[in-house]
Amino acid sequence: MLQIVISGLLVVGLATFLYVSRNPSGKKKVAASGKGLRIAAMIALAGAGISLLGAIVGQSGSRYPGLVILSNMEGSPKYVAVKTYFPGEYRTLTTPLMIAPTQEEAMRATGEVNRGLERLVARQLRLADDDSASNYLVLMSGLAQTMLAAEPRSCGDFYVGARFDGAAAFGEQVIVERERILGGIVTQTATRPGSQASMEQIQEVTGRVNNQAFNAIGAEQGARLEGFFDTGVMPGDDAGATALCHYMAQRLTAAKRLPPSEARAFVQGVAVLG
């Protein structure tokens, strides 16, 4: 809310300045300094407008805080930054970040990761055919549907918890489907208001989905993706990535979780909302 107020004041103030400093007399010559100020104000106005739009969309799209930091990783106190976009279901982009001693550093790193992923998407779209590009966007949307419920309890394998910050206030728990590919994690999550899933049920779902992912992709192809989710760099031979994209596309389509149009909208929105 504070971001909306500040951005709104900036928009109003800059727009007022541009209106007052216009050249109503029709003179052809404008002082260079004044012209420079107007250009700077226009740029600032555009930035403030984008910030305001992002703040409004982010505020209206979720009942929950826009950013949650989970830092309980046994043996590795890394932060995981997540952001919510749509009511009733979390579709977030989350990345295990560098060790960050403060929340501000974690947030900054999250922005860097988001921008890196956006560049990666753009590069893939220029190189891939239409089907591959569409599947890649679906893959990114699979990453976007990340969970708030999981508490990583070890660095080798990830076990899923049944709570997230603020859940108790709404009486909700979360069913988590987490797909672990060697070196990285693809997660799908659906929030079920009022559901009372036990830790054992969530772990059972997690194990089943993990097995499906390994069986569908194979260890050899999965190994090619090792480190992708940490570095944002796709291996030169993208056969494994293509298989993963197709697999994720099939799963998301079958689950009717995220149509291609929303997938594209999410990726395009990363720059503004991320």
C-alpha atoms as a PDB file:
ATOM      1  CA  MET A   1       0.000   0.000   0.000  1.00  0.00           C
ATOM      2  CA  LEU A   2       2.838   2.398   0.846  1.00  0.00           C
ATOM      3  CA  GLN A   3       4.363   1.770  -2.591  1.00  0.00           C
ATOM      4  CA  ILE A   4       1.035   2.652  -4.225  1.00  0.00           C
ATOM      5  CA  VAL A   5       0.801   5.924  -2.279  1.00  0.00           C
ATOM      6  CA  ILE A   6       4.401   6.949  -2.994  1.00  0.00           C
ATOM      7  CA  SER A   7       4.182   6.003  -6.677  1.00  0.00           C
ATOM      8  CA  GLY A   8       0.868   7.830  -6.992  1.00  0.00           C
ATOM      9  CA  LEU A   9       2.302  10.999  -5.467  1.00  0.00           C
ATOM     10  CA  LEU A  10       5.280  10.815  -7.817  1.00  0.00           C
ATOM     11  CA  VAL A  11       3.016  10.424 -10.841  1.00  0.00           C
ATOM     12  CA  VAL A  12       0.850  13.382  -9.797  1.00  0.00           C
ATOM     13  CA  GLY A  13       3.841  15.566  -8.944  1.00  0.00           C
ATOM     14  CA  LEU A  14       5.735  14.849 -12.147  1.00  0.00           C
ATOM     15  CA  ALA A  15       2.636  15.274 -14.291  1.00  0.00           C
ATOM     16  CA  THR A  16       1.954  18.624 -12.607  1.00  0.00           C
ATOM     17  CA  PHE A  17       5.536  19.749 -13.216  1.00  0.00           C
ATOM     18  CA  LEU A  18       5.330  18.814 -16.895  1.00  0.00           C
ATOM     19  CA  TYR A  19       2.024  20.661 -17.257  1.00  0.00           C
ATOM     20  CA  VAL A  20       3.250  23.828 -15.539  1.00  0.00           C
ATOM     21  CA  SER A  21       6.575  23.870 -17.387  1.00  0.00           C
ATOM     22  CA  ARG A  22       5.065  23.406 -20.841  1.00  0.00           C
ATOM     23  CA  ASN A  23       5.607  26.089 -23.500  1.00  0.00           C
ATOM     24  CA  PRO A  24       2.135  27.607 -24.023  1.00  0.00           C
ATOM     25  CA  SER A  25       3.404  30.719 -25.816  1.00  0.00           C
ATOM     26  CA  GLY A  26       4.474  28.700 -28.816  1.00  0.00           C
ATOM     27  CA  LYS A  27       8.056  29.920 -28.707  1.00  0.00           C
ATOM     28  CA  LYS A  28      10.379  27.767 -30.761  1.00  0.00           C
ATOM     29  CA  LYS A  29      13.334  28.179 -28.463  1.00  0.00           C
ATOM     30  CA  VAL A  30      13.357  26.497 -25.096  1.00  0.00           C
ATOM     31  CA  ALA A  31      16.248  26.773 -22.673  1.00  0.00           C
ATOM     32  CA  ALA A  32      18.480  23.723 -22.835  1.00  0.00           C
ATOM     33  CA  SER A  33      18.353  23.282 -19.080  1.00  0.00           C
ATOM     34  CA  GLY A  34      14.559  23.449 -19.091  1.00  0.00           C
ATOM     35  CA  LYS A  35      14.335  20.977 -21.949  1.00  0.00           C
ATOM     36  CA  GLY A  36      16.643  18.595 -20.109  1.00  0.00           C
ATOM     37  CA  LEU A  37      14.547  18.842 -16.978  1.00  0.00           C
ATOM     38  CA  ARG A  38      11.386  18.049 -18.930  1.00  0.00           C
ATOM     39  CA  ILE A  39      12.986  15.008 -20.560  1.00  0.00           C
ATOM     40  CA  ALA A  40      14.209  13.787 -17.181  1.00  0.00           C
ATOM     41  CA  ALA A  41      10.749  14.362 -15.729  1.00  0.00           C
ATOM     42  CA  MET A  42       9.141  12.395 -18.575  1.00  0.00           C
ATOM     43  CA  ILE A  43      11.468   9.465 -17.963  1.00  0.00           C
ATOM     44  CA  ALA A  44      10.795   9.619 -14.232  1.00  0.00           C
ATOM     45  CA  LEU A  45       7.051   9.830 -14.884  1.00  0.00           C
ATOM     46  CA  ALA A  46       7.171   6.692 -17.027  1.00  0.00           C
ATOM     47  CA  GLY A  47       9.092   4.837 -14.326  1.00  0.00           C
ATOM     48  CA  ALA A  48       6.729   5.988 -11.599  1.00  0.00           C
ATOM     49  CA  GLY A  49       3.756   4.958 -13.724  1.00  0.00           C
ATOM     50  CA  ILE A  50       5.139   1.457 -14.215  1.00  0.00           C
ATOM     51  CA  SER A  51       5.887   1.207 -10.500  1.00  0.00           C
ATOM     52  CA  LEU A  52       2.353   2.329  -9.662  1.00  0.00           C
ATOM     53  CA  LEU A  53       0.830  -0.196 -12.084  1.00  0.00           C
ATOM     54  CA  GLY A  54       2.940  -2.999 -10.669  1.00  0.00           C
ATOM     55  CA  ALA A  55       2.032  -2.041  -7.110  1.00  0.00           C
ATOM     56  CA  ILE A  56      -1.689  -1.934  -7.901  1.00  0.00           C
ATOM     57  CA  VAL A  57      -1.655  -5.278  -9.707  1.00  0.00           C
ATOM     58  CA  GLY A  58       0.419  -6.881  -6.989  1.00  0.00           C
ATOM     59  CA  GLN A  59      -1.836  -5.503  -4.255  1.00  0.00           C
ATOM     60  CA  SER A  60      -5.110  -6.489  -5.926  1.00  0.00           C
ATOM     61  CA  GLY A  61      -3.876  -9.907  -7.004  1.00  0.00           C
ATOM     62  CA  SER A  62      -3.297 -11.393  -3.590  1.00  0.00           C
ATOM     63  CA  ARG A  63      -4.642 -11.385  -0.065  1.00  0.00           C
ATOM     64  CA  TYR A  64      -1.196 -12.224   1.230  1.00  0.00           C
ATOM     65  CA  PRO A  65       2.031 -10.234   1.510  1.00  0.00           C
ATOM     66  CA  GLY A  66       3.767  -9.839  -1.828  1.00  0.00           C
ATOM     67  CA  LEU A  67       7.069 -11.128  -0.537  1.00  0.00           C
ATOM     68  CA  VAL A  68       7.805 -13.888   1.929  1.00  0.00           C
ATOM     69  CA  ILE A  69      11.288 -14.859   3.012  1.00  0.00           C
ATOM     70  CA  LEU A  70      11.902 -18.447   4.101  1.00  0.00           C
ATOM     71  CA  SER A  71      15.329 -18.967   5.601  1.00  0.00           C
ATOM     72  CA  ASN A  72      15.031 -22.310   7.395  1.00  0.00           C
ATOM     73  CA  MET A  73      17.420 -24.437   5.351  1.00  0.00           C
ATOM     74  CA  GLU A  74      19.235 -26.830   7.622  1.00  0.00           C
ATOM     75  CA  GLY A  75      22.955 -26.463   7.109  1.00  0.00           C
ATOM     76  CA  SER A  76      22.598 -23.636   4.592  1.00  0.00           C
ATOM     77  CA  PRO A  77      20.844 -20.447   5.719  1.00  0.00           C
ATOM     78  CA  LYS A  78      19.867 -19.277   2.267  1.00  0.00           C
ATOM     79  CA  TYR A  79      16.867 -17.120   1.590  1.00  0.00           C
ATOM     80  CA  VAL A  80      14.077 -18.048  -0.763  1.00  0.00           C
ATOM     81  CA  ALA A  81      12.125 -15.087  -2.070  1.00  0.00           C
ATOM     82  CA  VAL A  82       8.633 -15.583  -3.438  1.00  0.00           C
ATOM     83  CA  LYS A  83       5.958 -13.291  -4.787  1.00  0.00           C
ATOM     84  CA  THR A  84       2.206 -13.805  -5.142  1.00  0.00           C
ATOM     85  CA  TYR A  85       0.213 -12.760  -8.190  1.00  0.00           C
ATOM     86  CA  PHE A  86      -3.245 -14.289  -8.264  1.00  0.00           C
ATOM     87  CA  PRO A  87      -5.851 -14.761  -5.519  1.00  0.00           C
ATOM     88  CA  GLY A  88      -6.528 -18.280  -4.338  1.00  0.00           C
ATOM     89  CA  GLU A  89      -3.429 -19.800  -5.883  1.00  0.00           C
ATOM     90  CA  TYR A  90       0.234 -18.968  -5.637  1.00  0.00           C
ATOM     91  CA  ARG A  91       2.003 -18.583  -8.954  1.00  0.00           C
ATOM     92  CA  THR A  92       5.382 -17.370  -7.954  1.00  0.00           C
ATOM     93  CA  LEU A  93       8.925 -17.313  -9.171  1.00  0.00           C
ATOM     94  CA  THR A  94      11.181 -18.550  -6.423  1.00  0.00           C
ATOM     95  CA  THR A  95      14.900 -19.157  -6.408  1.00  0.00           C
ATOM     96  CA  PRO A  96      17.304 -20.312  -3.725  1.00  0.00           C
ATOM     97  CA  LEU A  97      19.423 -17.219  -3.340  1.00  0.00           C
ATOM     98  CA  MET A  98      22.944 -16.544  -2.268  1.00  0.00           C
ATOM     99  CA  ILE A  99      23.472 -16.347   1.480  1.00  0.00           C
ATOM    100  CA  ALA A 100      21.918 -12.982   2.297  1.00  0.00           C
ATOM    101  CA  PRO A 101      22.302 -11.530   5.803  1.00  0.00           C
ATOM    102  CA  THR A 102      19.429  -9.085   5.334  1.00  0.00           C
ATOM    103  CA  GLN A 103      16.001  -9.128   3.755  1.00  0.00           C
ATOM    104  CA  GLU A 104      16.962  -6.165   1.573  1.00  0.00           C
ATOM    105  CA  GLU A 105      19.829  -8.104   0.032  1.00  0.00           C
ATOM    106  CA  ALA A 106      17.571 -11.093  -0.528  1.00  0.00           C
ATOM    107  CA  MET A 107      15.035  -8.891  -2.300  1.00  0.00           C
ATOM    108  CA  ARG A 108      17.716  -7.316  -4.468  1.00  0.00           C
ATOM    109  CA  ALA A 109      19.048 -10.724  -5.431  1.00  0.00           C
ATOM    110  CA  THR A 110      15.527 -11.863  -6.271  1.00  0.00           C
ATOM    111  CA  GLY A 111      15.191  -8.999  -8.728  1.00  0.00           C
ATOM    112  CA  GLU A 112      18.488  -9.938 -10.339  1.00  0.00           C
ATOM    113  CA  VAL A 113      17.360 -13.547 -10.699  1.00  0.00           C
ATOM    114  CA  ASN A 114      14.048 -12.465 -12.234  1.00  0.00           C
ATOM    115  CA  ARG A 115      15.794 -10.281 -14.791  1.00  0.00           C
ATOM    116  CA  GLY A 116      18.205 -13.084 -15.628  1.00  0.00           C
ATOM    117  CA  LEU A 117      15.339 -15.485 -16.221  1.00  0.00           C
ATOM    118  CA  GLU A 118      13.586 -12.931 -18.395  1.00  0.00           C
ATOM    119  CA  ARG A 119      16.693 -12.559 -20.554  1.00  0.00           C
ATOM    120  CA  LEU A 120      16.936 -16.328 -20.751  1.00  0.00           C
ATOM    121  CA  VAL A 121      13.340 -16.569 -21.966  1.00  0.00           C
ATOM    122  CA  ALA A 122      13.930 -13.915 -24.603  1.00  0.00           C
ATOM    123  CA  ARG A 123      17.036 -15.707 -25.849  1.00  0.00           C
ATOM    124  CA  GLN A 124      15.228 -19.033 -26.034  1.00  0.00           C
ATOM    125  CA  LEU A 125      12.311 -17.527 -27.929  1.00  0.00           C
ATOM    126  CA  ARG A 126      14.605 -16.138 -30.595  1.00  0.00           C
ATOM    127  CA  LEU A 127      16.318 -19.474 -31.105  1.00  0.00           C
ATOM    128  CA  ALA A 128      13.476 -21.969 -30.752  1.00  0.00           C
ATOM    129  CA  ASP A 129      10.578 -22.864 -33.023  1.00  0.00           C
ATOM    130  CA  ASP A 130       7.025 -21.983 -32.033  1.00  0.00           C
ATOM    131  CA  ASP A 131       6.260 -25.251 -30.250  1.00  0.00           C
ATOM    132  CA  SER A 132       9.469 -25.186 -28.253  1.00  0.00           C
ATOM    133  CA  ALA A 133       8.954 -21.530 -27.365  1.00  0.00           C
ATOM    134  CA  SER A 134       5.438 -22.226 -26.140  1.00  0.00           C
ATOM    135  CA  ASN A 135       6.601 -25.188 -24.084  1.00  0.00           C
ATOM    136  CA  TYR A 136       9.406 -23.114 -22.621  1.00  0.00           C
ATOM    137  CA  LEU A 137       6.931 -20.485 -21.479  1.00  0.00           C
ATOM    138  CA  VAL A 138       4.844 -23.211 -19.897  1.00  0.00           C
ATOM    139  CA  LEU A 139       7.967 -24.461 -18.155  1.00  0.00           C
ATOM    140  CA  MET A 140       8.646 -20.997 -16.785  1.00  0.00           C
ATOM    141  CA  SER A 141       5.057 -20.855 -15.601  1.00  0.00           C
ATOM    142  CA  GLY A 142       5.602 -24.167 -13.866  1.00  0.00           C
ATOM    143  CA  LEU A 143       8.444 -22.489 -12.042  1.00  0.00           C
ATOM    144  CA  ALA A 144       6.133 -19.587 -11.364  1.00  0.00           C
ATOM    145  CA  GLN A 145       3.639 -21.841  -9.597  1.00  0.00           C
ATOM    146  CA  THR A 146       6.047 -22.280  -6.759  1.00  0.00           C
ATOM    147  CA  MET A 147       5.132 -23.072  -3.214  1.00  0.00           C
ATOM    148  CA  LEU A 148       5.014 -21.103  -0.017  1.00  0.00           C
ATOM    149  CA  ALA A 149       4.401 -24.172   2.106  1.00  0.00           C
ATOM    150  CA  ALA A 150       7.687 -25.994   1.679  1.00  0.00           C
ATOM    151  CA  GLU A 151      10.318 -25.719   4.343  1.00  0.00           C
ATOM    152  CA  PRO A 152      13.538 -27.095   2.888  1.00  0.00           C
ATOM    153  CA  ARG A 153      14.943 -29.265   5.671  1.00  0.00           C
ATOM    154  CA  SER A 154      18.149 -30.450   4.068  1.00  0.00           C
ATOM    155  CA  CYS A 155      20.320 -29.323   1.200  1.00  0.00           C
ATOM    156  CA  GLY A 156      20.548 -32.714  -0.496  1.00  0.00           C
ATOM    157  CA  ASP A 157      16.881 -33.626  -0.709  1.00  0.00           C
ATOM    158  CA  PHE A 158      13.988 -31.337  -0.030  1.00  0.00           C
ATOM    159  CA  TYR A 159      11.212 -32.354   2.314  1.00  0.00           C
ATOM    160  CA  VAL A 160       7.956 -30.484   2.275  1.00  0.00           C
ATOM    161  CA  GLY A 161       6.349 -28.813   5.240  1.00  0.00           C
ATOM    162  CA  ALA A 162       2.708 -27.898   5.552  1.00  0.00           C
ATOM    163  CA  ARG A 163       2.817 -24.288   6.647  1.00  0.00           C
ATOM    164  CA  PHE A 164       3.836 -20.898   5.341  1.00  0.00           C
ATOM    165  CA  ASP A 165       4.007 -17.465   6.920  1.00  0.00           C
ATOM    166  CA  GLY A 166       0.486 -16.170   7.469  1.00  0.00           C
ATOM    167  CA  ALA A 167      -1.249 -19.491   6.797  1.00  0.00           C
ATOM    168  CA  ALA A 168      -2.608 -19.807  10.324  1.00  0.00           C
ATOM    169  CA  ALA A 169      -4.388 -16.487   9.988  1.00  0.00           C
ATOM    170  CA  PHE A 170      -6.441 -17.857   7.109  1.00  0.00           C
ATOM    171  CA  GLY A 171      -6.800 -21.438   8.311  1.00  0.00           C
ATOM    172  CA  GLU A 172      -5.250 -22.773   5.125  1.00  0.00           C
ATOM    173  CA  GLN A 173      -2.752 -25.439   4.303  1.00  0.00           C
ATOM    174  CA  VAL A 174      -1.149 -26.129   0.987  1.00  0.00           C
ATOM    175  CA  ILE A 175      -0.828 -29.237  -1.155  1.00  0.00           C
ATOM    176  CA  VAL A 176       2.582 -29.185  -2.779  1.00  0.00           C
ATOM    177  CA  GLU A 177       3.766 -31.055  -5.843  1.00  0.00           C
ATOM    178  CA  ARG A 178       7.493 -30.675  -6.136  1.00  0.00           C
ATOM    179  CA  GLU A 179       9.450 -32.016  -9.087  1.00  0.00           C
ATOM    180  CA  ARG A 180      13.136 -32.414  -8.445  1.00  0.00           C
ATOM    181  CA  ILE A 181      15.444 -32.499 -11.451  1.00  0.00           C
ATOM    182  CA  LEU A 182      19.137 -33.071 -10.806  1.00  0.00           C
ATOM    183  CA  GLY A 183      20.603 -29.751  -9.785  1.00  0.00           C
ATOM    184  CA  GLY A 184      17.288 -27.939  -9.719  1.00  0.00           C
ATOM    185  CA  ILE A 185      13.699 -28.017  -8.586  1.00  0.00           C
ATOM    186  CA  VAL A 186      10.505 -27.510 -10.535  1.00  0.00           C
ATOM    187  CA  THR A 187       7.563 -27.028  -8.219  1.00  0.00           C
ATOM    188  CA  GLN A 188       3.827 -26.869  -8.706  1.00  0.00           C
ATOM    189  CA  THR A 189       1.517 -25.772  -5.950  1.00  0.00           C
ATOM    190  CA  ALA A 190      -2.208 -25.495  -5.450  1.00  0.00           C
ATOM    191  CA  THR A 191      -3.650 -23.820  -2.394  1.00  0.00           C
ATOM    192  CA  ARG A 192      -6.713 -25.546  -1.048  1.00  0.00           C
ATOM    193  CA  PRO A 193      -8.585 -23.225   1.330  1.00  0.00           C
ATOM    194  CA  GLY A 194      -9.744 -25.141   4.352  1.00  0.00           C
ATOM    195  CA  SER A 195      -7.937 -28.356   3.481  1.00  0.00           C
ATOM    196  CA  GLN A 196      -6.231 -30.188   6.304  1.00  0.00           C
ATOM    197  CA  ALA A 197      -3.500 -32.113   4.565  1.00  0.00           C
ATOM    198  CA  SER A 198      -1.114 -33.853   6.906  1.00  0.00           C
ATOM    199  CA  MET A 199       2.657 -33.761   6.569  1.00  0.00           C
ATOM    200  CA  GLU A 200       2.557 -37.424   5.545  1.00  0.00           C
ATOM    201  CA  GLN A 201       0.064 -36.743   2.746  1.00  0.00           C
ATOM    202  CA  ILE A 202       2.126 -33.883   1.378  1.00  0.00           C
ATOM    203  CA  GLN A 203       5.324 -35.920   1.513  1.00  0.00           C
ATOM    204  CA  GLU A 204       3.565 -38.787  -0.283  1.00  0.00           C
ATOM    205  CA  VAL A 205       2.483 -36.450  -3.084  1.00  0.00           C
ATOM    206  CA  THR A 206       5.978 -35.016  -3.284  1.00  0.00           C
ATOM    207  CA  GLY A 207       7.605 -38.430  -3.568  1.00  0.00           C
ATOM    208  CA  ARG A 208       5.155 -39.565  -6.231  1.00  0.00           C
ATOM    209  CA  VAL A 209       5.705 -36.479  -8.358  1.00  0.00           C
ATOM    210  CA  ASN A 210       9.472 -36.699  -7.944  1.00  0.00           C
ATOM    211  CA  ASN A 211       9.429 -40.281  -9.205  1.00  0.00           C
ATOM    212  CA  GLN A 212       7.306 -39.312 -12.201  1.00  0.00           C
ATOM    213  CA  ALA A 213       9.704 -36.517 -13.062  1.00  0.00           C
ATOM    214  CA  PHE A 214      12.773 -38.752 -12.922  1.00  0.00           C
ATOM    215  CA  ASN A 215      11.078 -41.483 -14.944  1.00  0.00           C
ATOM    216  CA  ALA A 216       9.892 -39.059 -17.618  1.00  0.00           C
ATOM    217  CA  ILE A 217      13.123 -37.156 -18.044  1.00  0.00           C
ATOM    218  CA  GLY A 218      15.774 -39.700 -17.184  1.00  0.00           C
ATOM    219  CA  ALA A 219      18.924 -39.195 -15.175  1.00  0.00           C
ATOM    220  CA  GLU A 220      21.114 -38.574 -18.230  1.00  0.00           C
ATOM    221  CA  GLN A 221      18.985 -35.729 -19.543  1.00  0.00           C
ATOM    222  CA  GLY A 222      18.422 -34.428 -16.051  1.00  0.00           C
ATOM    223  CA  ALA A 223      22.162 -34.280 -15.505  1.00  0.00           C
ATOM    224  CA  ARG A 224      22.479 -31.881 -18.449  1.00  0.00           C
ATOM    225  CA  LEU A 225      20.272 -29.489 -16.553  1.00  0.00           C
ATOM    226  CA  GLU A 226      22.415 -29.607 -13.447  1.00  0.00           C
ATOM    227  CA  GLY A 227      22.968 -26.121 -12.133  1.00  0.00           C
ATOM    228  CA  PHE A 228      20.479 -24.510 -14.529  1.00  0.00           C
ATOM    229  CA  PHE A 229      18.205 -23.256 -11.781  1.00  0.00           C
ATOM    230  CA  ASP A 230      21.162 -21.860  -9.856  1.00  0.00           C
ATOM    231  CA  THR A 231      22.916 -20.166 -12.774  1.00  0.00           C
ATOM    232  CA  GLY A 232      20.145 -19.446 -15.277  1.00  0.00           C
ATOM    233  CA  VAL A 233      22.379 -20.864 -18.028  1.00  0.00           C
ATOM    234  CA  MET A 234      20.930 -23.530 -20.300  1.00  0.00           C
ATOM    235  CA  PRO A 235      23.336 -26.217 -21.549  1.00  0.00           C
ATOM    236  CA  GLY A 236      24.404 -25.927 -25.170  1.00  0.00           C
ATOM    237  CA  ASP A 237      22.642 -29.170 -26.062  1.00  0.00           C
ATOM    238  CA  ASP A 238      19.048 -28.474 -25.107  1.00  0.00           C
ATOM    239  CA  ALA A 239      17.680 -31.990 -25.683  1.00  0.00           C
ATOM    240  CA  GLY A 240      17.143 -32.443 -21.970  1.00  0.00           C
ATOM    241  CA  ALA A 241      15.564 -29.019 -21.682  1.00  0.00           C
ATOM    242  CA  THR A 242      13.213 -29.781 -24.565  1.00  0.00           C
ATOM    243  CA  ALA A 243      12.130 -33.023 -22.919  1.00  0.00           C
ATOM    244  CA  LEU A 244      11.534 -31.188 -19.672  1.00  0.00           C
ATOM    245  CA  CYS A 245       9.502 -28.510 -21.442  1.00  0.00           C
ATOM    246  CA  HIS A 246       7.279 -31.058 -23.136  1.00  0.00           C
ATOM    247  CA  TYR A 247       6.813 -32.969 -19.920  1.00  0.00           C
ATOM    248  CA  MET A 248       5.898 -29.860 -17.958  1.00  0.00           C
ATOM    249  CA  ALA A 249       3.568 -28.721 -20.741  1.00  0.00           C
ATOM    250  CA  GLN A 250       1.714 -32.034 -20.638  1.00  0.00           C
ATOM    251  CA  ARG A 251       1.387 -31.929 -16.858  1.00  0.00           C
ATOM    252  CA  LEU A 252       0.204 -28.327 -16.724  1.00  0.00           C
ATOM    253  CA  THR A 253      -2.255 -28.868 -19.560  1.00  0.00           C
ATOM    254  CA  ALA A 254      -3.647 -32.014 -17.966  1.00  0.00           C
ATOM    255  CA  ALA A 255      -4.046 -30.257 -14.649  1.00  0.00           C
ATOM    256  CA  LYS A 256      -5.611 -27.221 -16.368  1.00  0.00           C
ATOM    257  CA  ARG A 257      -3.522 -25.070 -14.112  1.00  0.00           C
ATOM    258  CA  LEU A 258      -2.131 -22.473 -16.466  1.00  0.00           C
ATOM    259  CA  PRO A 259      -3.179 -21.820 -20.080  1.00  0.00           C
ATOM    260  CA  PRO A 260      -0.490 -20.603 -22.523  1.00  0.00           C
ATOM    261  CA  SER A 261      -1.897 -17.068 -22.509  1.00  0.00           C
ATOM    262  CA  GLU A 262      -1.360 -16.778 -18.757  1.00  0.00           C
ATOM    263  CA  ALA A 263       2.070 -18.323 -19.128  1.00  0.00           C
ATOM    264  CA  ARG A 264       3.085 -15.604 -21.559  1.00  0.00           C
ATOM    265  CA  ALA A 265       1.500 -12.937 -19.381  1.00  0.00           C
ATOM    266  CA  PHE A 266       3.497 -14.107 -16.384  1.00  0.00           C
ATOM    267  CA  VAL A 267       6.825 -14.025 -18.184  1.00  0.00           C
ATOM    268  CA  GLN A 268       6.066 -10.586 -19.586  1.00  0.00           C
ATOM    269  CA  GLY A 269       5.107  -9.395 -16.117  1.00  0.00           C
ATOM    270  CA  VAL A 270       8.286 -10.508 -14.401  1.00  0.00           C
ATOM    271  CA  ALA A 271      10.079  -7.268 -15.251  1.00  0.00           C
ATOM    272  CA  VAL A 272       7.329  -5.069 -13.816  1.00  0.00           C
ATOM    273  CA  LEU A 273       6.119  -7.130 -10.884  1.00  0.00           C
ATOM    274  CA  GLY A 274       9.373  -8.836 -10.048  1.00  0.00           C
END
